[in-house]
C-alpha atoms as a PDB file:
ATOM      1  CA  MET A   1     -25.004   0.693  31.008  1.00  0.00           C
ATOM      2  CA  LEU A   2     -28.760   0.538  30.903  1.00  0.00           C
ATOM      3  CA  ASP A   3     -30.757   3.658  31.678  1.00  0.00           C
ATOM      4  CA  VAL A   4     -34.032   3.729  33.640  1.00  0.00           C
ATOM      5  CA  ASP A   5     -36.741   1.764  31.806  1.00  0.00           C
ATOM      6  CA  GLU A   6     -34.244   0.548  29.205  1.00  0.00           C
ATOM      7  CA  THR A   7     -33.907  -3.167  28.469  1.00  0.00           C
ATOM      8  CA  ALA A   8     -30.876  -5.097  27.300  1.00  0.00           C
ATOM      9  CA  GLY A   9     -32.864  -6.285  24.282  1.00  0.00           C
ATOM     10  CA  ALA A  10     -33.677  -2.742  23.231  1.00  0.00           C
ATOM     11  CA  LEU A  11     -30.091  -1.641  23.679  1.00  0.00           C
ATOM     12  CA  LEU A  12     -28.820  -4.563  21.618  1.00  0.00           C
ATOM     13  CA  ALA A  13     -31.428  -3.933  18.913  1.00  0.00           C
ATOM     14  CA  ARG A  14     -30.261  -0.303  18.632  1.00  0.00           C
ATOM     15  CA  ALA A  15     -26.617  -1.407  18.487  1.00  0.00           C
ATOM     16  CA  SER A  16     -27.278  -3.968  15.759  1.00  0.00           C
ATOM     17  CA  ALA A  17     -29.305  -1.382  13.794  1.00  0.00           C
ATOM     18  CA  ASP A  18     -26.257   0.891  13.845  1.00  0.00           C
ATOM     19  CA  ASP A  19     -23.816  -1.985  13.171  1.00  0.00           C
ATOM     20  CA  PRO A  20     -25.350  -5.239  11.863  1.00  0.00           C
ATOM     21  CA  ALA A  21     -22.173  -7.113  12.891  1.00  0.00           C
ATOM     22  CA  ALA A  22     -22.421  -5.940  16.525  1.00  0.00           C
ATOM     23  CA  GLY A  23     -22.344  -8.923  18.850  1.00  0.00           C
ATOM     24  CA  ALA A  24     -21.744 -11.383  15.997  1.00  0.00           C
ATOM     25  CA  GLU A  25     -19.117 -13.251  18.062  1.00  0.00           C
ATOM     26  CA  PHE A  26     -21.851 -14.165  20.563  1.00  0.00           C
ATOM     27  CA  SER A  27     -24.395 -15.489  18.061  1.00  0.00           C
ATOM     28  CA  PRO A  28     -22.960 -18.996  17.667  1.00  0.00           C
ATOM     29  CA  ALA A  29     -22.832 -19.368  21.456  1.00  0.00           C
ATOM     30  CA  LEU A  30     -26.181 -17.840  22.409  1.00  0.00           C
ATOM     31  CA  ARG A  31     -29.116 -20.131  23.181  1.00  0.00           C
ATOM     32  CA  VAL A  32     -32.685 -19.048  23.866  1.00  0.00           C
ATOM     33  CA  SER A  33     -35.436 -21.237  25.337  1.00  0.00           C
ATOM     34  CA  ALA A  34     -38.352 -22.086  23.067  1.00  0.00           C
ATOM     35  CA  ASP A  35     -40.667 -19.749  24.935  1.00  0.00           C
ATOM     36  CA  GLY A  36     -38.081 -16.932  24.929  1.00  0.00           C
ATOM     37  CA  SER A  37     -38.040 -16.645  28.700  1.00  0.00           C
ATOM     38  CA  ARG A  38     -34.400 -17.725  29.206  1.00  0.00           C
ATOM     39  CA  ALA A  39     -31.144 -17.079  27.388  1.00  0.00           C
ATOM     40  CA  TRP A  40     -27.671 -18.441  28.056  1.00  0.00           C
ATOM     41  CA  ILE A  41     -24.209 -18.847  26.543  1.00  0.00           C
ATOM     42  CA  GLU A  42     -23.028 -22.407  25.898  1.00  0.00           C
ATOM     43  CA  PRO A  43     -20.157 -23.287  28.269  1.00  0.00           C
ATOM     44  CA  GLU A  44     -17.515 -24.199  25.664  1.00  0.00           C
ATOM     45  CA  PRO A  45     -17.647 -20.941  23.651  1.00  0.00           C
ATOM     46  CA  ALA A  46     -18.052 -18.988  26.900  1.00  0.00           C
ATOM     47  CA  THR A  47     -14.453 -19.837  27.702  1.00  0.00           C
ATOM     48  CA  SER A  48     -13.091 -18.038  24.650  1.00  0.00           C
ATOM     49  CA  LEU A  49     -15.661 -15.213  24.833  1.00  0.00           C
ATOM     50  CA  PHE A  50     -15.345 -14.321  28.519  1.00  0.00           C
ATOM     51  CA  TYR A  51     -12.258 -16.033  29.927  1.00  0.00           C
ATOM     52  CA  ALA A  52      -9.799 -15.984  27.040  1.00  0.00           C
ATOM     53  CA  ASP A  53      -6.982 -14.507  29.129  1.00  0.00           C
ATOM     54  CA  CYS A  54      -7.417 -17.095  31.917  1.00  0.00           C
ATOM     55  CA  PRO A  55      -5.485 -20.344  32.162  1.00  0.00           C
ATOM     56  CA  PRO A  56      -7.605 -23.270  30.921  1.00  0.00           C
ATOM     57  CA  ASP A  57      -8.092 -24.787  34.374  1.00  0.00           C
ATOM     58  CA  GLY A  58      -9.274 -21.441  35.718  1.00  0.00           C
ATOM     59  CA  ALA A  59     -11.573 -20.759  32.778  1.00  0.00           C
ATOM     60  CA  GLU A  60     -13.582 -23.889  33.605  1.00  0.00           C
ATOM     61  CA  PHE A  61     -14.234 -22.755  37.248  1.00  0.00           C
ATOM     62  CA  ALA A  62     -18.052 -22.576  36.879  1.00  0.00           C
ATOM     63  CA  GLN A  63     -18.266 -26.346  36.319  1.00  0.00           C
ATOM     64  CA  ARG A  64     -16.728 -26.893  39.723  1.00  0.00           C
ATOM     65  CA  CYS A  65     -18.959 -24.480  41.646  1.00  0.00           C
ATOM     66  CA  THR A  66     -20.677 -26.312  44.439  1.00  0.00           C
ATOM     67  CA  ALA A  67     -22.313 -23.419  46.282  1.00  0.00           C
ATOM     68  CA  VAL A  68     -24.232 -20.248  45.585  1.00  0.00           C
ATOM     69  CA  VAL A  69     -24.003 -17.363  48.005  1.00  0.00           C
ATOM     70  CA  PRO A  70     -26.897 -14.943  47.538  1.00  0.00           C
ATOM     71  CA  VAL A  71     -26.108 -11.314  48.258  1.00  0.00           C
ATOM     72  CA  ASN A  72     -28.713  -8.585  48.634  1.00  0.00           C
ATOM     73  CA  THR A  73     -27.349  -6.274  45.940  1.00  0.00           C
ATOM     74  CA  GLY A  74     -27.997  -5.292  42.369  1.00  0.00           C
ATOM     75  CA  HIS A  75     -26.342  -6.826  39.319  1.00  0.00           C
ATOM     76  CA  SER A  76     -22.840  -5.499  40.052  1.00  0.00           C
ATOM     77  CA  PRO A  77     -22.023  -6.210  43.716  1.00  0.00           C
ATOM     78  CA  PHE A  78     -18.285  -5.930  43.008  1.00  0.00           C
ATOM     79  CA  LEU A  79     -18.975  -2.211  42.412  1.00  0.00           C
ATOM     80  CA  SER A  80     -21.785  -1.513  44.864  1.00  0.00           C
ATOM     81  CA  ALA A  81     -20.619  -3.702  47.754  1.00  0.00           C
ATOM     82  CA  PRO A  82     -16.930  -4.521  47.284  1.00  0.00           C
ATOM     83  CA  ASP A  83     -16.359  -5.266  50.985  1.00  0.00           C
ATOM     84  CA  LEU A  84     -19.216  -7.764  50.970  1.00  0.00           C
ATOM     85  CA  VAL A  85     -17.843  -9.497  47.861  1.00  0.00           C
ATOM     86  CA  ALA A  86     -14.334  -9.573  49.317  1.00  0.00           C
ATOM     87  CA  GLY A  87     -15.758 -11.113  52.506  1.00  0.00           C
ATOM     88  CA  VAL A  88     -17.618 -13.822  50.601  1.00  0.00           C
ATOM     89  CA  ILE A  89     -14.488 -14.653  48.589  1.00  0.00           C
ATOM     90  CA  GLY A  90     -12.393 -14.617  51.759  1.00  0.00           C
ATOM     91  CA  ASP A  91     -14.726 -17.133  53.387  1.00  0.00           C
ATOM     92  CA  TYR A  92     -13.889 -19.618  50.624  1.00  0.00           C
ATOM     93  CA  LEU A  93     -10.124 -19.155  50.589  1.00  0.00           C
END
């Protein structure tokens, strides 16, 4: 977890300084925009990196998303507002 005033980039740089192989599994899948303002994981490798224990049809769920529901929370609403997240999910079931 990031501390106050800590960035993900700085944390990753420290980790790779300690272990040059840290995060190597993500390198082939990571893409960064030319100006460095955006980064993303390519969809195909994302399946094996993040959804490896999901059935194939479930691992491709993001391609079928047709709506975005903004919630007024931080990065981890499933921890900070679990009732809100459950309600949003329940609305779509």
